[in-house]
Amino acid sequence: MLTHPALSQQPVVTQALYESYIEAHVQGLIAFLQQMPPTPYRDFMLWQLKSDNRRWLKLISMTPIAMLTFKQLEGVFTVDEYEALLPYIVQMNTMFTLEIVSDNVAIGLLYAEEDDPRRGLVQAFNEAALKRLHGEMVDYDRHFAPYAAFFNRVSTIEQSLNPELHHTFYAKYCRLHPYTDLHSLEYSLYPQLVANIEATVRVKESVFGLAGYDLVRNGLIRRYSASNAWLVDPPVTLLEHLHVGIDSVMVIPALAYPITILCEQVYQIPEYLDVLADGSLEEMLAQASL
């Protein structure tokens, strides 16, 4: 329970705080999706989110991801500090929620055949993410054009960890919205990958101008570079495995992001700039990745 002593004696307050925390995540994802180009999948997602469908939130991993962060916040920050952090937490968890889709596509890819078309698609995805993180604009339609036919063969239902439940939600939506066909939802990998990339860019942009910006940005860049390395030039030695593994799990940017917000926006701790400048903070985060 968030440091205020009274909260430990009033569990209902904690529950109310948690409910408002989840609602902030829902509204954050709604706001993000409303900035994305209109597609059947985007409309489906907005409908589910506005319907407050907790089973769907759990299925897309929003509530498990949010709960993990909430548990980490309990007993650490005052309510005021928590409220200052919340918009940034929502931003980060939106990225993690949308990243589930690209993770699902890559399941088993390291052991797949060399001609598995997912290899090229995941590489193209990583390259688009890297361009955006370097500040370049990407014409997504053109960038992913070589995979247009493949997108129509990849079922996001079958690629999910719970195909049956995904199908249930899609089918129900189509019954209530006859102008939407099941195929347009099931084969909606393309807009989901684009949303994944843009959510990552939003995280980077939200710390622009802060001293920790480069640590966050470079950590995200190394994450997508490492993802490509596993496919294009797999590590051989133990040391290479260690370095690529540290980068690919994304622990450094995931921790550097809230630390940057805490030390520069919430607390404004001057010593933070010292450990940032001498590299000891990054070294500590790398060790946390092991």
Protein backbone atom coordinates (compact mmCIF):
# COMPACT_ATOMS: atom_id res chain seq x y z
CA MET A 1 0.00 0.00 0.00
CA LEU A 2 1.41 3.37 -1.00
CA THR A 3 3.31 4.70 2.02
CA HIS A 4 0.52 6.73 3.67
CA PRO A 5 -0.02 4.93 7.03
CA ALA A 6 -3.80 5.15 6.81
CA LEU A 7 -3.84 2.99 3.71
CA SER A 8 -2.70 -0.07 5.64
CA GLN A 9 -5.85 0.18 7.77
CA GLN A 10 -8.19 0.92 4.87
CA PRO A 11 -7.88 -1.82 2.22
CA VAL A 12 -10.89 -0.40 0.40
CA VAL A 13 -8.80 2.70 -0.32
CA THR A 14 -6.06 0.52 -1.77
CA GLN A 15 -8.61 -1.28 -3.94
CA ALA A 16 -9.96 2.07 -5.12
CA LEU A 17 -6.42 3.18 -5.88
CA TYR A 18 -5.81 0.01 -7.88
CA GLU A 19 -9.05 0.46 -9.82
CA SER A 20 -8.10 4.03 -10.72
CA TYR A 21 -4.65 2.76 -11.69
CA ILE A 22 -6.12 0.22 -14.13
CA GLU A 23 -8.51 2.85 -15.47
CA ALA A 24 -5.55 5.15 -16.15
CA HIS A 25 -3.98 2.37 -18.23
CA VAL A 26 -7.21 1.83 -20.15
CA GLN A 27 -7.56 5.54 -20.89
CA GLY A 28 -3.88 5.76 -21.84
CA LEU A 29 -4.22 2.97 -24.39
CA ILE A 30 -7.44 4.50 -25.73
CA ALA A 31 -5.72 7.87 -26.18
CA PHE A 32 -2.81 6.22 -27.96
CA LEU A 33 -4.97 4.13 -30.30
CA GLN A 34 -7.07 7.15 -31.23
CA GLN A 35 -3.90 8.64 -32.74
CA MET A 36 -3.36 5.57 -34.92
CA PRO A 37 -4.81 5.27 -38.46
CA PRO A 38 -8.35 3.83 -38.46
CA THR A 39 -8.46 0.07 -39.04
CA PRO A 40 -10.98 -2.63 -38.09
CA TYR A 41 -8.61 -3.85 -35.37
CA ARG A 42 -8.18 -0.37 -33.90
CA ASP A 43 -11.97 0.05 -33.75
CA PHE A 44 -12.28 -3.38 -32.16
CA MET A 45 -9.69 -2.50 -29.52
CA LEU A 46 -11.32 0.83 -28.73
CA TRP A 47 -14.69 -0.90 -28.34
CA GLN A 48 -13.25 -3.49 -25.96
CA LEU A 49 -11.43 -0.86 -23.90
CA LYS A 50 -14.45 1.42 -23.65
CA SER A 51 -16.57 -1.59 -22.64
CA ASP A 52 -14.30 -2.12 -19.62
CA ASN A 53 -13.91 -5.78 -20.51
CA ARG A 54 -11.54 -7.09 -17.85
CA ARG A 55 -11.24 -10.51 -19.48
CA TRP A 56 -9.93 -8.82 -22.63
CA LEU A 57 -7.52 -6.65 -20.62
CA LYS A 58 -6.12 -9.80 -19.05
CA LEU A 59 -5.92 -11.60 -22.39
CA ILE A 60 -3.82 -8.84 -23.97
CA SER A 61 -1.65 -8.81 -20.81
CA MET A 62 -2.53 -5.25 -19.85
CA THR A 63 -3.69 -6.09 -16.33
CA PRO A 64 -0.84 -8.53 -15.55
CA ILE A 65 1.73 -5.97 -16.72
CA ALA A 66 0.01 -3.16 -14.82
CA MET A 67 -0.33 -5.31 -11.68
CA LEU A 68 3.39 -6.10 -11.71
CA THR A 69 4.25 -2.39 -11.74
CA PHE A 70 1.60 -1.59 -9.12
CA LYS A 71 3.08 -4.15 -6.73
CA GLN A 72 6.49 -2.58 -7.23
CA LEU A 73 5.09 0.83 -6.30
CA GLU A 74 3.38 -0.31 -3.12
CA GLY A 75 5.10 0.86 0.05
CA VAL A 76 7.71 2.85 -1.85
CA PHE A 77 6.13 6.16 -2.86
CA THR A 78 3.72 8.61 -1.35
CA VAL A 79 0.40 9.07 -3.10
CA ASP A 80 1.59 12.40 -4.54
CA GLU A 81 4.75 10.81 -5.91
CA TYR A 82 2.73 7.93 -7.31
CA GLU A 83 0.37 10.32 -9.10
CA ALA A 84 3.34 12.17 -10.60
CA LEU A 85 4.74 8.88 -11.88
CA LEU A 86 1.47 7.45 -13.16
CA PRO A 87 1.33 9.07 -16.65
CA TYR A 88 4.83 7.78 -17.39
CA ILE A 89 4.07 4.31 -16.02
CA VAL A 90 1.02 4.16 -18.28
CA GLN A 91 3.15 5.20 -21.26
CA MET A 92 5.69 2.47 -20.58
CA ASN A 93 3.10 -0.23 -19.92
CA THR A 94 1.24 0.68 -23.10
CA MET A 95 4.45 -0.12 -24.97
CA PHE A 96 4.85 -3.44 -23.14
CA THR A 97 1.21 -4.39 -23.78
CA LEU A 98 1.45 -3.74 -27.51
CA GLU A 99 4.79 -5.53 -27.73
CA ILE A 100 3.12 -8.83 -26.86
CA VAL A 101 2.03 -9.12 -30.51
CA SER A 102 5.53 -8.89 -31.98
CA ASP A 103 6.78 -11.28 -29.29
CA ASN A 104 4.09 -13.77 -30.29
CA VAL A 105 5.17 -13.61 -33.94
CA ALA A 106 8.72 -14.49 -32.95
CA ILE A 107 7.78 -17.50 -30.81
CA GLY A 108 10.00 -20.43 -31.83
CA LEU A 109 11.63 -18.41 -34.59
CA LEU A 110 15.20 -19.19 -33.50
CA TYR A 111 14.52 -22.87 -34.17
CA ALA A 112 12.42 -22.39 -37.31
CA GLU A 113 13.54 -23.20 -40.85
CA GLU A 114 15.80 -20.70 -42.57
CA ASP A 115 13.12 -19.95 -45.16
CA ASP A 116 10.43 -19.23 -42.55
CA PRO A 117 8.93 -15.93 -43.82
CA ARG A 118 8.64 -14.70 -40.25
CA ARG A 119 12.40 -14.18 -40.20
CA GLY A 120 12.25 -11.48 -42.85
CA LEU A 121 9.17 -9.93 -41.29
CA VAL A 122 10.68 -9.70 -37.81
CA GLN A 123 13.86 -8.23 -39.30
CA ALA A 124 11.80 -5.65 -41.20
CA PHE A 125 9.91 -4.86 -38.01
CA ASN A 126 13.15 -4.36 -36.07
CA GLU A 127 14.60 -2.19 -38.84
CA ALA A 128 11.49 0.02 -38.89
CA ALA A 129 11.66 0.38 -35.10
CA LEU A 130 15.35 1.31 -35.30
CA LYS A 131 14.68 3.97 -37.94
CA ARG A 132 11.94 5.53 -35.83
CA LEU A 133 14.09 5.46 -32.69
CA HIS A 134 16.83 7.24 -34.65
CA GLY A 135 14.33 9.97 -35.49
CA GLU A 136 13.58 8.94 -39.08
CA MET A 137 10.11 8.84 -40.59
CA VAL A 138 8.95 5.50 -41.98
CA ASP A 139 6.44 4.93 -44.75
CA TYR A 140 5.05 1.76 -43.20
CA ASP A 141 3.01 0.71 -46.22
CA ARG A 142 6.10 0.86 -48.40
CA HIS A 143 8.44 -0.61 -45.79
CA PHE A 144 6.25 -3.66 -45.19
CA ALA A 145 5.05 -4.01 -48.81
CA PRO A 146 7.16 -7.16 -49.42
CA TYR A 147 5.20 -8.86 -46.64
CA ALA A 148 1.69 -7.79 -47.68
CA ALA A 149 0.74 -11.29 -48.82
CA PHE A 150 2.28 -12.81 -45.70
CA PHE A 151 0.19 -10.56 -43.44
CA ASN A 152 -2.88 -12.14 -44.99
CA ARG A 153 -1.64 -15.59 -43.98
CA VAL A 154 -0.61 -14.90 -40.38
CA SER A 155 -3.48 -15.44 -37.99
CA THR A 156 -3.16 -13.33 -34.86
CA ILE A 157 -5.52 -15.86 -33.30
CA GLU A 158 -3.22 -18.81 -33.94
CA GLN A 159 -0.12 -16.78 -33.03
CA SER A 160 -1.60 -15.88 -29.64
CA LEU A 161 -1.15 -17.86 -26.44
CA ASN A 162 -4.93 -18.36 -26.13
CA PRO A 163 -6.38 -18.82 -29.64
CA GLU A 164 -9.79 -20.01 -28.48
CA LEU A 165 -10.47 -16.97 -26.31
CA HIS A 166 -9.20 -14.57 -28.97
CA HIS A 167 -11.58 -16.13 -31.47
CA THR A 168 -14.46 -15.78 -29.00
CA PHE A 169 -13.87 -12.05 -28.57
CA TYR A 170 -13.41 -11.43 -32.30
CA ALA A 171 -16.53 -13.41 -33.22
CA LYS A 172 -18.69 -11.63 -30.65
CA TYR A 173 -17.57 -8.23 -31.93
CA CYS A 174 -18.35 -9.23 -35.52
CA ARG A 175 -21.84 -10.36 -34.53
CA LEU A 176 -22.48 -6.97 -32.92
CA HIS A 177 -20.79 -5.07 -35.76
CA PRO A 178 -21.87 -6.79 -39.00
CA TYR A 179 -19.83 -4.38 -41.13
CA THR A 180 -16.66 -5.95 -39.69
CA ASP A 181 -15.67 -9.42 -40.87
CA LEU A 182 -13.70 -11.86 -38.76
CA HIS A 183 -10.90 -12.07 -41.34
CA SER A 184 -10.06 -8.36 -40.96
CA LEU A 185 -9.54 -8.86 -37.22
CA GLU A 186 -7.81 -12.21 -37.33
CA TYR A 187 -5.33 -11.06 -39.99
CA SER A 188 -4.55 -7.68 -38.44
CA LEU A 189 -0.88 -8.19 -37.69
CA TYR A 190 0.27 -5.22 -39.76
CA PRO A 191 -1.53 -2.42 -37.84
CA GLN A 192 -0.63 -4.09 -34.56
CA LEU A 193 3.08 -4.07 -35.41
CA VAL A 194 2.90 -0.41 -36.42
CA ALA A 195 1.18 0.45 -33.13
CA ASN A 196 3.91 -1.46 -31.29
CA ILE A 197 6.64 0.62 -32.92
CA GLU A 198 4.89 3.94 -32.39
CA ALA A 199 4.22 3.18 -28.72
CA THR A 200 7.94 2.57 -28.28
CA VAL A 201 8.73 5.88 -29.96
CA ARG A 202 6.30 7.64 -27.58
CA VAL A 203 8.27 6.30 -24.61
CA LYS A 204 11.48 7.69 -26.06
CA GLU A 205 9.89 11.05 -26.85
CA SER A 206 8.39 11.41 -23.38
CA VAL A 207 11.86 11.81 -21.84
CA PHE A 208 13.26 14.05 -24.58
CA GLY A 209 15.21 16.92 -23.02
CA LEU A 210 16.01 15.02 -19.82
CA ALA A 211 19.54 13.94 -18.92
CA GLY A 212 18.53 10.27 -19.00
CA TYR A 213 17.15 10.51 -22.53
CA ASP A 214 20.18 8.92 -24.21
CA LEU A 215 20.23 6.02 -21.74
CA VAL A 216 16.57 5.25 -22.45
CA ARG A 217 16.82 5.80 -26.20
CA ASN A 218 20.03 3.82 -26.63
CA GLY A 219 18.64 0.99 -24.54
CA LEU A 220 15.61 0.74 -26.82
CA ILE A 221 17.84 0.88 -29.90
CA ARG A 222 20.05 -1.91 -28.56
CA ARG A 223 16.96 -3.99 -27.82
CA TYR A 224 15.89 -4.04 -31.50
CA SER A 225 19.46 -4.39 -32.73
CA ALA A 226 19.89 -7.42 -30.47
CA SER A 227 16.65 -8.92 -31.73
CA ASN A 228 18.02 -8.74 -35.27
CA ALA A 229 21.37 -10.11 -34.16
CA TRP A 230 19.74 -13.34 -32.99
CA LEU A 231 18.34 -13.83 -36.50
CA VAL A 232 21.06 -12.41 -38.75
CA ASP A 233 24.34 -12.93 -36.91
CA PRO A 234 23.69 -15.16 -33.87
CA PRO A 235 26.17 -14.85 -31.00
CA VAL A 236 28.72 -17.64 -30.75
CA THR A 237 30.85 -17.12 -27.65
CA LEU A 238 29.54 -16.98 -24.11
CA LEU A 239 30.47 -13.29 -23.90
CA GLU A 240 28.58 -12.53 -27.12
CA HIS A 241 25.55 -14.38 -25.79
CA LEU A 242 25.78 -12.33 -22.60
CA HIS A 243 25.89 -8.96 -24.37
CA VAL A 244 23.14 -9.75 -26.87
CA GLY A 245 21.02 -11.28 -24.13
CA ILE A 246 21.33 -8.21 -21.90
CA ASP A 247 20.24 -5.94 -24.73
CA SER A 248 17.39 -8.11 -26.01
CA VAL A 249 15.55 -8.48 -22.69
CA MET A 250 15.17 -4.68 -22.53
CA VAL A 251 15.84 -4.44 -18.79
CA ILE A 252 18.10 -1.39 -19.16
CA PRO A 253 15.58 0.96 -20.84
CA ALA A 254 12.71 -0.49 -18.80
CA LEU A 255 14.48 0.49 -15.57
CA ALA A 256 16.24 3.59 -16.88
CA TYR A 257 12.90 5.10 -17.90
CA PRO A 258 11.25 5.26 -14.44
CA ILE A 259 14.58 6.09 -12.80
CA THR A 260 14.95 9.06 -15.14
CA ILE A 261 11.44 10.28 -14.31
CA LEU A 262 11.96 9.78 -10.58
CA CYS A 263 15.33 11.48 -10.37
CA GLU A 264 14.63 14.36 -12.76
CA GLN A 265 10.89 14.99 -12.60
CA VAL A 266 9.68 13.79 -9.20
CA TYR A 267 12.63 14.16 -6.83
CA GLN A 268 15.20 16.12 -8.87
CA ILE A 269 18.20 14.37 -7.30
CA PRO A 270 21.46 16.07 -8.37
CA GLU A 271 23.61 12.99 -7.57
CA TYR A 272 21.72 11.13 -10.25
CA LEU A 273 23.54 13.19 -12.88
CA ASP A 274 26.87 11.98 -11.49
CA VAL A 275 26.08 8.26 -11.74
CA LEU A 276 24.59 8.90 -15.17
CA ALA A 277 27.71 10.71 -16.39
CA ASP A 278 30.27 8.22 -15.06
CA GLY A 279 28.40 5.23 -16.47
CA SER A 280 27.86 3.53 -13.12
CA LEU A 281 24.06 3.67 -13.45
CA GLU A 282 24.15 1.91 -16.81
CA GLU A 283 26.56 -0.68 -15.43
CA MET A 284 24.24 -1.34 -12.50
CA LEU A 285 21.27 -1.76 -14.85
CA ALA A 286 23.27 -4.15 -17.02
CA GLN A 287 24.04 -6.26 -13.96
CA ALA A 288 20.33 -6.27 -13.12
CA SER A 289 19.72 -7.81 -16.55
CA LEU A 290 21.76 -10.91 -15.73
